[in-house]
C-alpha atoms as a PDB file:
ATOM      1  CA  MET A   1     131.046  78.734 100.221  1.00  0.00           C
ATOM      2  CA  GLU A   2     127.625  78.735 101.866  1.00  0.00           C
ATOM      3  CA  PRO A   3     125.123  81.486 101.028  1.00  0.00           C
ATOM      4  CA  GLU A   4     124.686  84.095 103.738  1.00  0.00           C
ATOM      5  CA  ARG A   5     121.891  83.172 106.162  1.00  0.00           C
ATOM      6  CA  ILE A   6     119.355  85.693 107.352  1.00  0.00           C
ATOM      7  CA  VAL A   7     119.378  86.163 111.112  1.00  0.00           C
ATOM      8  CA  PHE A   8     115.829  86.584 112.422  1.00  0.00           C
ATOM      9  CA  PRO A   9     114.171  88.747 113.552  1.00  0.00           C
ATOM     10  CA  ALA A  10     115.041  91.052 110.649  1.00  0.00           C
ATOM     11  CA  ASP A  11     113.532  93.805 108.541  1.00  0.00           C
ATOM     12  CA  TYR A  12     112.932  92.019 105.252  1.00  0.00           C
ATOM     13  CA  PRO A  13     111.692  93.441 101.934  1.00  0.00           C
ATOM     14  CA  ILE A  14     108.982  91.377 100.229  1.00  0.00           C
ATOM     15  CA  LYS A  15     108.062  92.371  96.684  1.00  0.00           C
ATOM     16  CA  VAL A  16     104.733  91.420  95.137  1.00  0.00           C
ATOM     17  CA  VAL A  17     103.902  91.981  91.467  1.00  0.00           C
ATOM     18  CA  ALA A  18     100.187  91.795  90.684  1.00  0.00           C
ATOM     19  CA  ARG A  19      97.675  92.761  88.040  1.00  0.00           C
ATOM     20  CA  ALA A  20      96.479  96.290  88.714  1.00  0.00           C
ATOM     21  CA  SER A  21      92.946  96.543  90.112  1.00  0.00           C
ATOM     22  CA  ALA A  22      91.006  98.919  92.313  1.00  0.00           C
ATOM     23  CA  ASP A  23      91.301  96.649  95.356  1.00  0.00           C
ATOM     24  CA  VAL A  24      94.708  94.988  94.928  1.00  0.00           C
ATOM     25  CA  ARG A  25      96.457  97.100  97.580  1.00  0.00           C
ATOM     26  CA  ALA A  26      93.715  96.514 100.151  1.00  0.00           C
ATOM     27  CA  ARG A  27      93.698  92.753  99.499  1.00  0.00           C
ATOM     28  CA  LEU A  28      97.482  92.462  99.779  1.00  0.00           C
ATOM     29  CA  ASP A  29      97.576  94.689 102.876  1.00  0.00           C
ATOM     30  CA  ALA A  30      95.026  92.314 104.465  1.00  0.00           C
ATOM     31  CA  VAL A  31      97.250  89.292 103.735  1.00  0.00           C
ATOM     32  CA  PHE A  32     100.265  91.026 105.284  1.00  0.00           C
ATOM     33  CA  ALA A  33      98.198  92.121 108.314  1.00  0.00           C
ATOM     34  CA  ARG A  34      97.193  88.483 108.932  1.00  0.00           C
ATOM     35  CA  HIS A  35     100.869  87.511 109.096  1.00  0.00           C
ATOM     36  CA  PHE A  36     102.402  90.601 110.737  1.00  0.00           C
ATOM     37  CA  GLY A  37      99.569  92.426 112.501  1.00  0.00           C
ATOM     38  CA  GLU A  38      98.902  96.087 111.867  1.00  0.00           C
ATOM     39  CA  PHE A  39     101.736  97.933 110.131  1.00  0.00           C
ATOM     40  CA  GLU A  40     102.578 101.466 109.031  1.00  0.00           C
ATOM     41  CA  PRO A  41     101.481 102.275 105.460  1.00  0.00           C
ATOM     42  CA  ALA A  42     104.867 104.011 105.060  1.00  0.00           C
ATOM     43  CA  ARG A  43     106.492 100.530 105.142  1.00  0.00           C
ATOM     44  CA  VAL A  44     105.032  99.870 101.682  1.00  0.00           C
ATOM     45  CA  THR A  45     106.175 101.339  98.374  1.00  0.00           C
ATOM     46  CA  GLU A  46     104.064 101.037  95.257  1.00  0.00           C
ATOM     47  CA  ARG A  47     105.010 101.402  91.607  1.00  0.00           C
ATOM     48  CA  ALA A  48     102.794 100.964  88.538  1.00  0.00           C
ATOM     49  CA  SER A  49     104.099  99.440  85.310  1.00  0.00           C
ATOM     50  CA  ALA A  50     104.564 101.653  82.235  1.00  0.00           C
ATOM     51  CA  GLN A  51     101.126 100.708  80.878  1.00  0.00           C
ATOM     52  CA  SER A  52      99.570 100.584  84.388  1.00  0.00           C
ATOM     53  CA  ASN A  53      98.528  96.949  83.844  1.00  0.00           C
ATOM     54  CA  PHE A  54     100.602  95.748  86.789  1.00  0.00           C
ATOM     55  CA  VAL A  55     101.667  97.095  90.144  1.00  0.00           C
ATOM     56  CA  ALA A  56     104.784  96.260  92.161  1.00  0.00           C
ATOM     57  CA  LEU A  57     104.432  96.609  95.923  1.00  0.00           C
ATOM     58  CA  THR A  58     107.393  96.256  98.270  1.00  0.00           C
ATOM     59  CA  TYR A  59     106.579  95.617 101.928  1.00  0.00           C
ATOM     60  CA  LEU A  60     109.394  96.116 104.445  1.00  0.00           C
ATOM     61  CA  MET A  61     108.296  93.868 107.298  1.00  0.00           C
ATOM     62  CA  ARG A  62     109.849  92.740 110.575  1.00  0.00           C
ATOM     63  CA  VAL A  63     110.059  88.983 110.036  1.00  0.00           C
ATOM     64  CA  GLN A  64     110.411  86.809 113.149  1.00  0.00           C
ATOM     65  CA  ALA A  65     111.247  83.441 111.535  1.00  0.00           C
ATOM     66  CA  GLU A  66     111.711  81.733 108.186  1.00  0.00           C
ATOM     67  CA  ALA A  67     108.444  79.814 108.690  1.00  0.00           C
ATOM     68  CA  GLN A  68     106.583  83.138 108.797  1.00  0.00           C
ATOM     69  CA  LEU A  69     107.937  83.949 105.324  1.00  0.00           C
ATOM     70  CA  GLY A  70     106.939  80.534 103.985  1.00  0.00           C
ATOM     71  CA  ALA A  71     103.351  80.873 105.171  1.00  0.00           C
ATOM     72  CA  LEU A  72     103.122  84.419 103.779  1.00  0.00           C
ATOM     73  CA  HIS A  73     104.512  83.384 100.379  1.00  0.00           C
ATOM     74  CA  SER A  74     102.022  80.504 100.122  1.00  0.00           C
ATOM     75  CA  GLU A  75      99.068  82.769 100.832  1.00  0.00           C
ATOM     76  CA  LEU A  76     100.303  85.507  98.482  1.00  0.00           C
ATOM     77  CA  ARG A  77     100.811  83.068  95.583  1.00  0.00           C
ATOM     78  CA  ALA A  78      97.220  81.877  96.016  1.00  0.00           C
ATOM     79  CA  GLU A  79      95.860  85.457  95.905  1.00  0.00           C
ATOM     80  CA  ASP A  80      93.988  86.303  92.682  1.00  0.00           C
ATOM     81  CA  GLY A  81      96.054  88.466  90.319  1.00  0.00           C
ATOM     82  CA  VAL A  82      99.436  87.923  92.009  1.00  0.00           C
ATOM     83  CA  MET A  83     102.043  87.208  89.350  1.00  0.00           C
ATOM     84  CA  LEU A  84     105.288  87.112  91.354  1.00  0.00           C
ATOM     85  CA  VAL A  85     106.460  87.110  94.980  1.00  0.00           C
ATOM     86  CA  LEU A  86     110.119  87.869  95.731  1.00  0.00           C
END
């Protein structure tokens, strides 16, 4: 059985786990804005780790195509302090 394919455009959650820093949210928001344009801050949830060393941000974005996700993931992985992109 084939895995279910995503039909684009679609609202798609993208989770980023990064080292906590004063500017991490602003830097990640800038990456997402380059790929999606301006977006509502309410489309992002943020959760700190128990020791506040890391932060998990989930962006619910309207993705137009799989290629858009690929380009975003590449840029996020290259961002300083990013540990994981799901």
